[in-house]
C-alpha atoms as a PDB file:
ATOM      1  CA  MET A   1      -0.693 -10.559  14.430  1.00  0.00           C
ATOM      2  CA  ASN A   2       1.055  -6.949  13.717  1.00  0.00           C
ATOM      3  CA  TRP A   3       1.448  -4.760  16.496  1.00  0.00           C
ATOM      4  CA  TYR A   4      -0.351  -2.110  14.499  1.00  0.00           C
ATOM      5  CA  LEU A   5      -3.612  -4.258  14.761  1.00  0.00           C
ATOM      6  CA  GLN A   6      -3.184  -4.922  17.870  1.00  0.00           C
ATOM      7  CA  SER A   7      -4.730  -2.753  20.966  1.00  0.00           C
ATOM      8  CA  GLY A   8      -2.702  -1.803  23.920  1.00  0.00           C
ATOM      9  CA  LYS A   9      -2.585   0.280  27.115  1.00  0.00           C
ATOM     10  CA  GLU A  10      -4.601   3.758  26.878  1.00  0.00           C
ATOM     11  CA  SER A  11      -5.316   3.001  23.486  1.00  0.00           C
ATOM     12  CA  ASP A  12      -8.181   4.164  22.558  1.00  0.00           C
ATOM     13  CA  ILE A  13      -5.841   7.879  22.934  1.00  0.00           C
ATOM     14  CA  ALA A  14      -3.198   6.291  22.484  1.00  0.00           C
ATOM     15  CA  ILE A  15      -2.832   4.649  19.211  1.00  0.00           C
ATOM     16  CA  ASN A  16       1.194   4.027  19.123  1.00  0.00           C
ATOM     17  CA  THR A  17       4.773   3.810  20.468  1.00  0.00           C
ATOM     18  CA  ARG A  18       8.027   4.093  18.876  1.00  0.00           C
ATOM     19  CA  ILE A  19      11.084   3.908  20.074  1.00  0.00           C
ATOM     20  CA  ARG A  20      14.166   4.844  17.906  1.00  0.00           C
ATOM     21  CA  PHE A  21      17.938   4.997  18.585  1.00  0.00           C
ATOM     22  CA  SER A  22      20.371   6.919  15.894  1.00  0.00           C
ATOM     23  CA  ARG A  23      23.915   4.694  15.473  1.00  0.00           C
ATOM     24  CA  ASN A  24      26.763   4.591  13.440  1.00  0.00           C
ATOM     25  CA  ILE A  25      29.246   1.983  13.364  1.00  0.00           C
ATOM     26  CA  GLN A  26      33.361   2.438  13.920  1.00  0.00           C
ATOM     27  CA  GLY A  27      35.369   2.081  11.726  1.00  0.00           C
ATOM     28  CA  TYR A  28      32.970   3.758   8.768  1.00  0.00           C
ATOM     29  CA  ASN A  29      32.456   7.448   7.154  1.00  0.00           C
ATOM     30  CA  PHE A  30      29.199   8.771   8.704  1.00  0.00           C
ATOM     31  CA  HIS A  31      28.236   9.781   4.987  1.00  0.00           C
ATOM     32  CA  LEU A  32      28.829   6.702   2.485  1.00  0.00           C
ATOM     33  CA  ILE A  33      29.307   6.272  -1.094  1.00  0.00           C
ATOM     34  CA  PRO A  34      27.689   3.729  -2.098  1.00  0.00           C
ATOM     35  CA  LYS A  35      30.351   1.205  -2.289  1.00  0.00           C
ATOM     36  CA  GLU A  36      30.840   1.490   1.612  1.00  0.00           C
ATOM     37  CA  LEU A  37      27.297   1.376   2.137  1.00  0.00           C
ATOM     38  CA  GLN A  38      27.176  -2.174  -0.135  1.00  0.00           C
ATOM     39  CA  GLU A  39      30.439  -3.167   2.404  1.00  0.00           C
ATOM     40  CA  LEU A  40      28.241  -2.522   5.662  1.00  0.00           C
ATOM     41  CA  GLU A  41      25.112  -4.214   4.527  1.00  0.00           C
ATOM     42  CA  ASN A  42      26.901  -7.640   3.615  1.00  0.00           C
ATOM     43  CA  LYS A  43      28.915  -7.085   7.099  1.00  0.00           C
ATOM     44  CA  ILE A  44      25.139  -6.481   8.584  1.00  0.00           C
ATOM     45  CA  LYS A  45      23.798  -9.619   6.580  1.00  0.00           C
ATOM     46  CA  ASP A  46      26.700 -12.028   7.501  1.00  0.00           C
ATOM     47  CA  ASN A  47      25.704 -11.236  11.389  1.00  0.00           C
ATOM     48  CA  ILE A  48      21.998 -11.289  11.209  1.00  0.00           C
ATOM     49  CA  TYR A  49      21.527 -14.441  13.208  1.00  0.00           C
ATOM     50  CA  GLN A  50      23.803 -13.017  15.969  1.00  0.00           C
ATOM     51  CA  ILE A  51      21.442 -10.177  16.302  1.00  0.00           C
ATOM     52  CA  GLY A  52      18.288 -12.717  16.593  1.00  0.00           C
ATOM     53  CA  TYR A  53      14.541 -11.504  16.750  1.00  0.00           C
ATOM     54  CA  GLY A  54      13.527 -13.226  14.047  1.00  0.00           C
ATOM     55  CA  LEU A  55      15.119 -10.145  11.433  1.00  0.00           C
ATOM     56  CA  ARG A  56      15.260 -10.668   7.547  1.00  0.00           C
ATOM     57  CA  PHE A  57      17.460  -8.253   5.465  1.00  0.00           C
ATOM     58  CA  LEU A  58      15.652  -6.637   2.803  1.00  0.00           C
ATOM     59  CA  LYS A  59      17.415  -4.576   0.492  1.00  0.00           C
ATOM     60  CA  LEU A  60      14.882  -1.515  -0.885  1.00  0.00           C
ATOM     61  CA  GLU A  61      15.938  -1.961  -4.507  1.00  0.00           C
ATOM     62  CA  ASP A  62      14.611  -5.085  -4.537  1.00  0.00           C
ATOM     63  CA  MET A  63      10.948  -3.987  -3.490  1.00  0.00           C
ATOM     64  CA  ASP A  64       8.355  -2.068  -5.612  1.00  0.00           C
ATOM     65  CA  ASP A  65       7.067   1.217  -5.010  1.00  0.00           C
ATOM     66  CA  ILE A  66       4.071  -0.056  -3.917  1.00  0.00           C
ATOM     67  CA  THR A  67       5.884  -2.066  -1.032  1.00  0.00           C
ATOM     68  CA  LYS A  68       8.005   0.641  -0.199  1.00  0.00           C
ATOM     69  CA  LEU A  69       4.766   2.874   0.182  1.00  0.00           C
ATOM     70  CA  SER A  70       3.039   0.558   2.429  1.00  0.00           C
ATOM     71  CA  LEU A  71       6.092   0.310   4.750  1.00  0.00           C
ATOM     72  CA  VAL A  72       5.896   4.029   4.375  1.00  0.00           C
ATOM     73  CA  GLU A  73       2.502   4.296   5.921  1.00  0.00           C
ATOM     74  CA  LYS A  74       2.938   1.505   8.531  1.00  0.00           C
ATOM     75  CA  GLY A  75       5.929   4.113  10.089  1.00  0.00           C
ATOM     76  CA  LEU A  76       8.354   1.454   9.422  1.00  0.00           C
ATOM     77  CA  ILE A  77      10.493   3.566   7.105  1.00  0.00           C
ATOM     78  CA  ASN A  78      10.223   7.194   5.924  1.00  0.00           C
ATOM     79  CA  TYR A  79       9.148   8.951   2.618  1.00  0.00           C
ATOM     80  CA  ASN A  80      12.751  10.314   1.656  1.00  0.00           C
ATOM     81  CA  PHE A  81      14.566   6.435   2.336  1.00  0.00           C
ATOM     82  CA  ALA A  82      11.792   4.928   0.625  1.00  0.00           C
ATOM     83  CA  PHE A  83      11.704   7.160  -2.795  1.00  0.00           C
ATOM     84  CA  GLU A  84      14.568   9.699  -2.857  1.00  0.00           C
ATOM     85  CA  SER A  85      17.884   7.963  -1.652  1.00  0.00           C
ATOM     86  CA  GLY A  86      18.675   6.607  -4.987  1.00  0.00           C
ATOM     87  CA  ASN A  87      17.314   3.171  -4.254  1.00  0.00           C
ATOM     88  CA  ILE A  88      19.586   2.226  -2.186  1.00  0.00           C
ATOM     89  CA  GLY A  89      19.698   1.393   1.679  1.00  0.00           C
ATOM     90  CA  ALA A  90      17.953  -2.014   3.280  1.00  0.00           C
ATOM     91  CA  ILE A  91      15.970  -2.720   6.253  1.00  0.00           C
ATOM     92  CA  LEU A  92      16.222  -5.454   9.306  1.00  0.00           C
ATOM     93  CA  VAL A  93      12.564  -5.997   9.752  1.00  0.00           C
ATOM     94  CA  ASN A  94      10.798  -9.242  11.465  1.00  0.00           C
ATOM     95  CA  ASP A  95       7.320 -10.982  11.093  1.00  0.00           C
ATOM     96  CA  GLU A  96       5.650  -8.685  13.342  1.00  0.00           C
ATOM     97  CA  GLU A  97       7.030  -5.264  12.112  1.00  0.00           C
ATOM     98  CA  ASN A  98       7.119  -4.347  15.551  1.00  0.00           C
ATOM     99  CA  VAL A  99      11.496  -3.909  14.888  1.00  0.00           C
ATOM    100  CA  CYS A 100      13.015  -2.244  12.001  1.00  0.00           C
ATOM    101  CA  ILE A 101      15.973  -0.972  11.617  1.00  0.00           C
ATOM    102  CA  MET A 102      16.862   1.114   8.422  1.00  0.00           C
ATOM    103  CA  ILE A 103      20.531   0.842   6.850  1.00  0.00           C
ATOM    104  CA  GLY A 104      22.071   3.370   5.240  1.00  0.00           C
ATOM    105  CA  GLU A 105      19.437   6.032   6.121  1.00  0.00           C
ATOM    106  CA  ASP A 106      21.027   9.707   6.970  1.00  0.00           C
ATOM    107  CA  ASP A 107      22.933   6.963   9.800  1.00  0.00           C
ATOM    108  CA  HIS A 108      24.500   3.901   9.511  1.00  0.00           C
ATOM    109  CA  LEU A 109      20.997   2.442  11.557  1.00  0.00           C
ATOM    110  CA  LYS A 110      18.068   3.515  12.077  1.00  0.00           C
ATOM    111  CA  ILE A 111      17.425   1.258  15.138  1.00  0.00           C
ATOM    112  CA  GLN A 112      12.975   1.109  15.620  1.00  0.00           C
ATOM    113  CA  VAL A 113      10.773  -0.556  17.722  1.00  0.00           C
ATOM    114  CA  PHE A 114       6.873  -0.169  17.817  1.00  0.00           C
ATOM    115  CA  SER A 115       3.944  -1.281  20.098  1.00  0.00           C
ATOM    116  CA  SER A 116       0.235  -0.326  20.466  1.00  0.00           C
ATOM    117  CA  GLY A 117      -1.128   1.594  23.193  1.00  0.00           C
ATOM    118  CA  LEU A 118       0.940   3.465  25.354  1.00  0.00           C
ATOM    119  CA  GLU A 119       3.972   1.551  26.210  1.00  0.00           C
ATOM    120  CA  LEU A 120       7.283   3.566  26.512  1.00  0.00           C
ATOM    121  CA  GLU A 121       9.188   1.909  29.190  1.00  0.00           C
ATOM    122  CA  ASN A 122       8.736  -2.327  27.644  1.00  0.00           C
ATOM    123  CA  THR A 123       9.351  -0.395  24.515  1.00  0.00           C
ATOM    124  CA  LEU A 124      12.560   1.473  25.424  1.00  0.00           C
ATOM    125  CA  ASN A 125      13.858  -1.653  27.445  1.00  0.00           C
ATOM    126  CA  LEU A 126      13.415  -4.233  24.134  1.00  0.00           C
ATOM    127  CA  ALA A 127      14.931  -1.144  22.184  1.00  0.00           C
ATOM    128  CA  ILE A 128      18.156  -1.019  24.439  1.00  0.00           C
ATOM    129  CA  GLU A 129      18.060  -5.125  24.450  1.00  0.00           C
ATOM    130  CA  ILE A 130      18.876  -4.626  20.786  1.00  0.00           C
ATOM    131  CA  ASP A 131      20.838  -1.764  20.425  1.00  0.00           C
ATOM    132  CA  LYS A 132      23.180  -3.172  22.820  1.00  0.00           C
ATOM    133  CA  LYS A 133      23.854  -6.996  21.027  1.00  0.00           C
ATOM    134  CA  ILE A 134      24.385  -4.483  18.199  1.00  0.00           C
ATOM    135  CA  GLU A 135      27.252  -2.830  19.552  1.00  0.00           C
ATOM    136  CA  ASP A 136      28.546  -6.153  21.031  1.00  0.00           C
ATOM    137  CA  ILE A 137      28.762  -7.397  17.685  1.00  0.00           C
ATOM    138  CA  PHE A 138      29.883  -4.229  15.254  1.00  0.00           C
ATOM    139  CA  GLY A 139      30.852  -1.253  17.375  1.00  0.00           C
ATOM    140  CA  TYR A 140      29.673   2.374  17.454  1.00  0.00           C
ATOM    141  CA  CYS A 141      30.996   5.469  17.111  1.00  0.00           C
ATOM    142  CA  VAL A 142      30.836   7.023  20.399  1.00  0.00           C
ATOM    143  CA  SER A 143      32.215  10.354  22.374  1.00  0.00           C
ATOM    144  CA  LYS A 144      33.439  10.286  26.090  1.00  0.00           C
ATOM    145  CA  GLN A 145      32.024  13.377  26.086  1.00  0.00           C
ATOM    146  CA  TYR A 146      28.747  13.876  24.159  1.00  0.00           C
ATOM    147  CA  GLY A 147      27.819   9.858  23.857  1.00  0.00           C
ATOM    148  CA  TYR A 148      26.595   8.373  20.159  1.00  0.00           C
ATOM    149  CA  LEU A 149      27.912  10.138  17.536  1.00  0.00           C
ATOM    150  CA  THR A 150      25.571  11.069  14.981  1.00  0.00           C
ATOM    151  CA  ALA A 151      25.071  12.510  11.459  1.00  0.00           C
ATOM    152  CA  CYS A 152      22.710  15.268  12.374  1.00  0.00           C
ATOM    153  CA  PRO A 153      23.760  17.030  15.800  1.00  0.00           C
ATOM    154  CA  ASN A 154      20.253  17.218  17.247  1.00  0.00           C
ATOM    155  CA  ASN A 155      20.550  13.446  17.890  1.00  0.00           C
ATOM    156  CA  ILE A 156      24.308  13.492  19.424  1.00  0.00           C
ATOM    157  CA  GLY A 157      24.291  12.212  23.295  1.00  0.00           C
ATOM    158  CA  THR A 158      21.876   9.541  23.518  1.00  0.00           C
ATOM    159  CA  GLY A 159      20.524   9.275  19.749  1.00  0.00           C
ATOM    160  CA  LEU A 160      16.891   8.603  21.102  1.00  0.00           C
ATOM    161  CA  LYS A 161      13.917   9.967  19.544  1.00  0.00           C
ATOM    162  CA  ALA A 162      10.723   8.925  21.602  1.00  0.00           C
ATOM    163  CA  SER A 163       7.498   9.036  20.211  1.00  0.00           C
ATOM    164  CA  VAL A 164       3.388   8.381  21.224  1.00  0.00           C
ATOM    165  CA  LYS A 165       1.069   9.307  18.619  1.00  0.00           C
ATOM    166  CA  LEU A 166      -2.502  10.514  20.234  1.00  0.00           C
ATOM    167  CA  HIS A 167      -6.181  10.451  18.434  1.00  0.00           C
ATOM    168  CA  LEU A 168      -7.439  13.745  20.060  1.00  0.00           C
ATOM    169  CA  PRO A 169     -11.052  14.142  18.519  1.00  0.00           C
ATOM    170  CA  ALA A 170     -13.025  15.240  21.128  1.00  0.00           C
ATOM    171  CA  LEU A 171     -10.537  18.447  22.595  1.00  0.00           C
ATOM    172  CA  ALA A 172     -10.456  18.853  18.593  1.00  0.00           C
ATOM    173  CA  LYS A 173     -14.681  19.091  19.019  1.00  0.00           C
ATOM    174  CA  THR A 174     -14.908  21.048  22.125  1.00  0.00           C
ATOM    175  CA  ARG A 175     -12.252  23.502  20.711  1.00  0.00           C
ATOM    176  CA  ASN A 176      -9.916  22.863  23.349  1.00  0.00           C
ATOM    177  CA  THR A 177      -6.872  21.669  21.328  1.00  0.00           C
ATOM    178  CA  GLU A 178      -4.818  24.658  20.978  1.00  0.00           C
ATOM    179  CA  LYS A 179      -5.477  25.576  24.747  1.00  0.00           C
ATOM    180  CA  VAL A 180      -3.953  21.786  25.545  1.00  0.00           C
ATOM    181  CA  LEU A 181      -1.066  21.586  22.832  1.00  0.00           C
ATOM    182  CA  GLU A 182       0.501  25.428  24.176  1.00  0.00           C
ATOM    183  CA  ALA A 183       0.783  24.168  27.418  1.00  0.00           C
ATOM    184  CA  ILE A 184       2.567  21.365  26.588  1.00  0.00           C
ATOM    185  CA  ASN A 185       5.263  23.955  24.467  1.00  0.00           C
ATOM    186  CA  ASN A 186       6.516  24.634  28.534  1.00  0.00           C
ATOM    187  CA  PHE A 187       7.688  20.771  28.863  1.00  0.00           C
ATOM    188  CA  GLY A 188      10.459  21.288  26.227  1.00  0.00           C
ATOM    189  CA  ILE A 189       8.154  18.199  24.094  1.00  0.00           C
ATOM    190  CA  ASN A 190       7.345  18.312  20.302  1.00  0.00           C
ATOM    191  CA  ILE A 191       3.553  17.485  19.292  1.00  0.00           C
ATOM    192  CA  LYS A 192       3.122  18.178  16.188  1.00  0.00           C
ATOM    193  CA  GLY A 193      -0.419  17.178  14.338  1.00  0.00           C
ATOM    194  CA  VAL A 194      -0.742  14.773  11.574  1.00  0.00           C
ATOM    195  CA  TYR A 195      -1.312  17.170   8.250  1.00  0.00           C
ATOM    196  CA  ASP A 196      -2.629  16.833   4.634  1.00  0.00           C
ATOM    197  CA  GLU A 197      -1.098  18.434   1.312  1.00  0.00           C
ATOM    198  CA  GLU A 198      -3.244  21.530   2.389  1.00  0.00           C
ATOM    199  CA  GLY A 199      -1.866  21.608   6.171  1.00  0.00           C
ATOM    200  CA  HIS A 200      -4.793  20.612   8.066  1.00  0.00           C
ATOM    201  CA  ILE A 201      -4.538  18.130  10.717  1.00  0.00           C
ATOM    202  CA  VAL A 202      -5.785  14.715   9.525  1.00  0.00           C
ATOM    203  CA  GLY A 203      -7.612  12.796  11.572  1.00  0.00           C
ATOM    204  CA  ASP A 204      -7.537  14.530  14.812  1.00  0.00           C
ATOM    205  CA  MET A 205      -4.071  12.473  15.407  1.00  0.00           C
ATOM    206  CA  TYR A 206      -0.871  13.934  16.708  1.00  0.00           C
ATOM    207  CA  GLU A 207       2.374  12.947  17.793  1.00  0.00           C
ATOM    208  CA  VAL A 208       5.039  13.586  21.050  1.00  0.00           C
ATOM    209  CA  SER A 209       8.251  13.176  20.730  1.00  0.00           C
ATOM    210  CA  ASN A 210      11.496  14.508  22.851  1.00  0.00           C
ATOM    211  CA  LYS A 211      13.411  17.771  21.991  1.00  0.00           C
ATOM    212  CA  LYS A 212      16.794  16.874  24.212  1.00  0.00           C
ATOM    213  CA  THR A 213      19.009  14.105  23.475  1.00  0.00           C
ATOM    214  CA  LEU A 214      22.109  15.632  24.558  1.00  0.00           C
ATOM    215  CA  GLY A 215      22.634  15.869  28.601  1.00  0.00           C
ATOM    216  CA  ILE A 216      19.732  13.380  29.572  1.00  0.00           C
ATOM    217  CA  THR A 217      19.207   9.711  29.950  1.00  0.00           C
ATOM    218  CA  GLU A 218      17.252   7.804  27.816  1.00  0.00           C
ATOM    219  CA  ASN A 219      14.965   7.156  31.102  1.00  0.00           C
ATOM    220  CA  GLU A 220      14.627  10.813  31.365  1.00  0.00           C
ATOM    221  CA  VAL A 221      13.713  11.175  28.225  1.00  0.00           C
ATOM    222  CA  ILE A 222      10.695   8.582  28.203  1.00  0.00           C
ATOM    223  CA  GLN A 223       9.867   9.649  31.803  1.00  0.00           C
ATOM    224  CA  ASN A 224       9.199  13.183  30.303  1.00  0.00           C
ATOM    225  CA  ILE A 225       7.750  11.933  27.160  1.00  0.00           C
ATOM    226  CA  LYS A 226       5.390   9.867  29.573  1.00  0.00           C
ATOM    227  CA  ILE A 227       4.628  12.953  31.624  1.00  0.00           C
ATOM    228  CA  VAL A 228       3.263  14.942  28.975  1.00  0.00           C
ATOM    229  CA  VAL A 229       1.195  12.061  27.305  1.00  0.00           C
ATOM    230  CA  GLU A 230      -0.754  11.573  30.166  1.00  0.00           C
ATOM    231  CA  LYS A 231      -1.806  14.820  30.985  1.00  0.00           C
ATOM    232  CA  VAL A 232      -2.470  15.166  27.214  1.00  0.00           C
ATOM    233  CA  ILE A 233      -4.709  11.959  27.848  1.00  0.00           C
ATOM    234  CA  LYS A 234      -6.715  13.595  31.277  1.00  0.00           C
ATOM    235  CA  GLN A 235      -7.280  16.417  29.166  1.00  0.00           C
ATOM    236  CA  GLU A 236      -8.700  14.292  26.134  1.00  0.00           C
ATOM    237  CA  ARG A 237     -11.276  11.911  28.364  1.00  0.00           C
ATOM    238  CA  ALA A 238     -12.445  15.032  30.378  1.00  0.00           C
ATOM    239  CA  ALA A 239     -13.718  16.547  26.819  1.00  0.00           C
ATOM    240  CA  ARG A 240     -15.125  12.944  26.069  1.00  0.00           C
ATOM    241  CA  ARG A 241     -16.779  13.147  28.538  1.00  0.00           C
ATOM    242  CA  PHE A 242     -18.367  16.021  27.896  1.00  0.00           C
ATOM    243  CA  LEU A 243     -19.457  15.224  24.511  1.00  0.00           C
ATOM    244  CA  ALA A 244     -21.059  11.850  25.953  1.00  0.00           C
ATOM    245  CA  ASN A 245     -23.735  14.637  28.037  1.00  0.00           C
ATOM    246  CA  GLU A 246     -24.631  15.573  24.449  1.00  0.00           C
ATOM    247  CA  GLY A 247     -26.739  12.892  24.127  1.00  0.00           C
ATOM    248  CA  ILE A 248     -28.633  12.488  20.877  1.00  0.00           C
ATOM    249  CA  GLU A 249     -26.606  14.855  19.354  1.00  0.00           C
ATOM    250  CA  VAL A 250     -23.206  13.483  19.593  1.00  0.00           C
ATOM    251  CA  GLU A 251     -24.933  10.307  18.845  1.00  0.00           C
ATOM    252  CA  ASP A 252     -26.359  11.666  15.450  1.00  0.00           C
ATOM    253  CA  LEU A 253     -22.678  13.306  14.663  1.00  0.00           C
ATOM    254  CA  ILE A 254     -21.415   9.911  15.231  1.00  0.00           C
ATOM    255  CA  TYR A 255     -24.016   7.893  13.218  1.00  0.00           C
ATOM    256  CA  ARG A 256     -23.794  10.195  10.384  1.00  0.00           C
ATOM    257  CA  ASN A 257     -20.153   9.667   9.562  1.00  0.00           C
ATOM    258  CA  TYR A 258     -20.402   5.801  10.024  1.00  0.00           C
ATOM    259  CA  GLY A 259     -23.470   6.057   7.671  1.00  0.00           C
ATOM    260  CA  ILE A 260     -21.320   8.283   4.893  1.00  0.00           C
ATOM    261  CA  LEU A 261     -18.373   5.757   5.376  1.00  0.00           C
ATOM    262  CA  THR A 262     -19.908   2.737   4.802  1.00  0.00           C
ATOM    263  CA  ASN A 263     -22.374   3.861   1.953  1.00  0.00           C
ATOM    264  CA  CYS A 264     -20.290   5.816  -0.094  1.00  0.00           C
ATOM    265  CA  LYS A 265     -19.266   4.701  -3.387  1.00  0.00           C
ATOM    266  CA  LYS A 266     -15.903   6.693  -3.860  1.00  0.00           C
ATOM    267  CA  ILE A 267     -13.796   8.000  -1.176  1.00  0.00           C
ATOM    268  CA  THR A 268     -10.607  10.047  -0.726  1.00  0.00           C
ATOM    269  CA  MET A 269      -8.111   9.008   1.884  1.00  0.00           C
ATOM    270  CA  GLU A 270      -8.473  12.419   3.969  1.00  0.00           C
ATOM    271  CA  GLU A 271     -11.967  12.186   4.297  1.00  0.00           C
ATOM    272  CA  ALA A 272     -11.886   8.423   5.133  1.00  0.00           C
ATOM    273  CA  GLN A 273      -9.603   9.480   7.849  1.00  0.00           C
ATOM    274  CA  ASN A 274     -11.334  12.373   9.159  1.00  0.00           C
ATOM    275  CA  LEU A 275     -15.012  10.285   9.254  1.00  0.00           C
ATOM    276  CA  LEU A 276     -13.055   7.089  10.583  1.00  0.00           C
ATOM    277  CA  SER A 277     -12.134   9.600  13.676  1.00  0.00           C
ATOM    278  CA  THR A 278     -15.510  10.576  14.668  1.00  0.00           C
ATOM    279  CA  VAL A 279     -16.579   6.782  13.825  1.00  0.00           C
ATOM    280  CA  LYS A 280     -13.638   5.169  16.191  1.00  0.00           C
ATOM    281  CA  LEU A 281     -14.591   8.382  19.062  1.00  0.00           C
ATOM    282  CA  GLY A 282     -18.234   6.429  18.945  1.00  0.00           C
ATOM    283  CA  VAL A 283     -16.495   2.880  19.295  1.00  0.00           C
ATOM    284  CA  ASP A 284     -14.013   4.577  22.219  1.00  0.00           C
ATOM    285  CA  LEU A 285     -17.092   5.852  23.699  1.00  0.00           C
ATOM    286  CA  GLY A 286     -19.838   2.939  23.525  1.00  0.00           C
ATOM    287  CA  ILE A 287     -22.235   4.888  21.074  1.00  0.00           C
ATOM    288  CA  LEU A 288     -21.011   2.952  18.074  1.00  0.00           C
ATOM    289  CA  LYS A 289     -21.272  -1.145  18.977  1.00  0.00           C
ATOM    290  CA  GLU A 290     -21.347  -2.082  14.684  1.00  0.00           C
ATOM    291  CA  LEU A 291     -17.231  -2.214  14.936  1.00  0.00           C
ATOM    292  CA  SER A 292     -14.920  -4.055  16.776  1.00  0.00           C
ATOM    293  CA  ASP A 293     -11.558  -2.426  17.896  1.00  0.00           C
ATOM    294  CA  LEU A 294      -9.548  -4.912  15.097  1.00  0.00           C
ATOM    295  CA  GLN A 295     -11.829  -3.507  12.303  1.00  0.00           C
ATOM    296  CA  ILE A 296     -10.762   0.107  12.910  1.00  0.00           C
ATOM    297  CA  GLN A 297      -7.200  -0.537  13.202  1.00  0.00           C
ATOM    298  CA  LYS A 298      -7.782  -2.923   9.914  1.00  0.00           C
ATOM    299  CA  LEU A 299      -9.634   0.110   8.434  1.00  0.00           C
ATOM    300  CA  TYR A 300      -6.891   2.786   9.399  1.00  0.00           C
ATOM    301  CA  LEU A 301      -4.530   0.636   7.785  1.00  0.00           C
ATOM    302  CA  TYR A 302      -6.425  -0.463   4.415  1.00  0.00           C
ATOM    303  CA  ILE A 303      -7.631   3.680   3.742  1.00  0.00           C
ATOM    304  CA  GLN A 304      -3.954   4.051   3.023  1.00  0.00           C
ATOM    305  CA  PRO A 305      -2.984   3.846  -1.136  1.00  0.00           C
ATOM    306  CA  GLY A 306      -0.228   1.782  -0.500  1.00  0.00           C
ATOM    307  CA  ASN A 307      -1.806  -0.759   1.669  1.00  0.00           C
ATOM    308  CA  LEU A 308      -5.178  -0.154   0.394  1.00  0.00           C
ATOM    309  CA  GLN A 309      -3.441  -1.346  -3.381  1.00  0.00           C
ATOM    310  CA  LYS A 310      -1.590  -4.622  -1.147  1.00  0.00           C
ATOM    311  CA  TYR A 311      -5.121  -5.646   0.253  1.00  0.00           C
ATOM    312  CA  PHE A 312      -6.215  -6.197  -3.356  1.00  0.00           C
ATOM    313  CA  GLY A 313      -3.469  -6.823  -4.706  1.00  0.00           C
ATOM    314  CA  GLU A 314      -3.202  -5.095  -7.495  1.00  0.00           C
ATOM    315  CA  GLN A 315      -2.080  -1.428  -8.433  1.00  0.00           C
ATOM    316  CA  TYR A 316      -4.832   1.320  -9.300  1.00  0.00           C
ATOM    317  CA  GLU A 317      -5.202   5.041 -10.320  1.00  0.00           C
ATOM    318  CA  ARG A 318      -6.327   7.806  -7.726  1.00  0.00           C
ATOM    319  CA  LEU A 319      -9.400   7.745  -9.536  1.00  0.00           C
ATOM    320  CA  VAL A 320     -10.051   3.278  -9.225  1.00  0.00           C
ATOM    321  CA  ARG A 321      -8.249   4.061  -5.563  1.00  0.00           C
ATOM    322  CA  GLU A 322     -10.892   6.396  -4.708  1.00  0.00           C
ATOM    323  CA  ILE A 323     -13.542   3.378  -5.446  1.00  0.00           C
ATOM    324  CA  LYS A 324     -11.656   0.199  -4.310  1.00  0.00           C
ATOM    325  CA  ARG A 325     -11.299   2.408  -0.960  1.00  0.00           C
ATOM    326  CA  ALA A 326     -15.065   2.470  -0.623  1.00  0.00           C
ATOM    327  CA  GLU A 327     -15.372  -1.749  -0.981  1.00  0.00           C
ATOM    328  CA  MET A 328     -12.657  -2.400   1.363  1.00  0.00           C
ATOM    329  CA  ILE A 329     -14.497  -0.588   3.731  1.00  0.00           C
ATOM    330  CA  LYS A 330     -17.893  -2.651   3.236  1.00  0.00           C
ATOM    331  CA  GLN A 331     -15.558  -5.683   3.185  1.00  0.00           C
ATOM    332  CA  VAL A 332     -14.478  -5.026   6.556  1.00  0.00           C
ATOM    333  CA  ILE A 333     -17.237  -3.651   7.963  1.00  0.00           C
ATOM    334  CA  ASN A 334     -19.073  -6.724   7.201  1.00  0.00           C
ATOM    335  CA  GLN A 335     -16.090  -9.527   8.409  1.00  0.00           C
END
């Protein structure tokens, strides 16, 4: 089963963990022209079995737009790489999709490892293992003074970007989100919401990540994030206990959201995400027993336009997608 359909440690609040290393191969310019990128891709492709981990080589130019969008929605690649790179570049990805390496983004390689739940240490260990194997094969651009050299100065040093996505509906409903997030800023850690096109937080989702990559070790980065994430989880759990004591009021709110989600004839992604946030809270609190964790994970995945169209195997215009989204929700709930 793919990592994003699994439950992990603290996964009622910590949705997933991502570790990403920015790396550049020695002997190549940092900013590659298409001919140089093609040469690098061929070199990596020829050595893919030495890297291992069941990785497959896939070029962006061989993917249709829906496939690329589905990968963006899963967090495996970013939008600019998928749609604004001139359709050049490639990825290495395994069947479980918990390892995905972008080739030819702003750095030569973006080595990414994903886990469900809060799994910073284990995810880092796997990423380091893969990173060292690639370094042994190809060699990296490294400075004795600064560490790993990257196209963006903000990534120099470890080249590590670690992040944890959090679901914080109880803090939002008790109006304590801003207070908690303000306290976090003092720890030198980034925390940002997942926004819609109008600048609103969608589905009470937030991402916690490191700011520093220079003058700090990988393990220190992980420990700093872990301290902050555990503090936020503690506050979210306290807010959930408060809501649970509201009795019929919170039960009514949860089941109203569930009722709309299960009976609508058409629905936008943004509305579905916001309804699903409250429904997931109900499942996690043990109030709503009609859905399993796996069904919740599937709904989060397939309400997104790219994966919705993958689900049905067809391409749709916006209005038809809203109708098919409502149809998909009913199918997943009735599984």
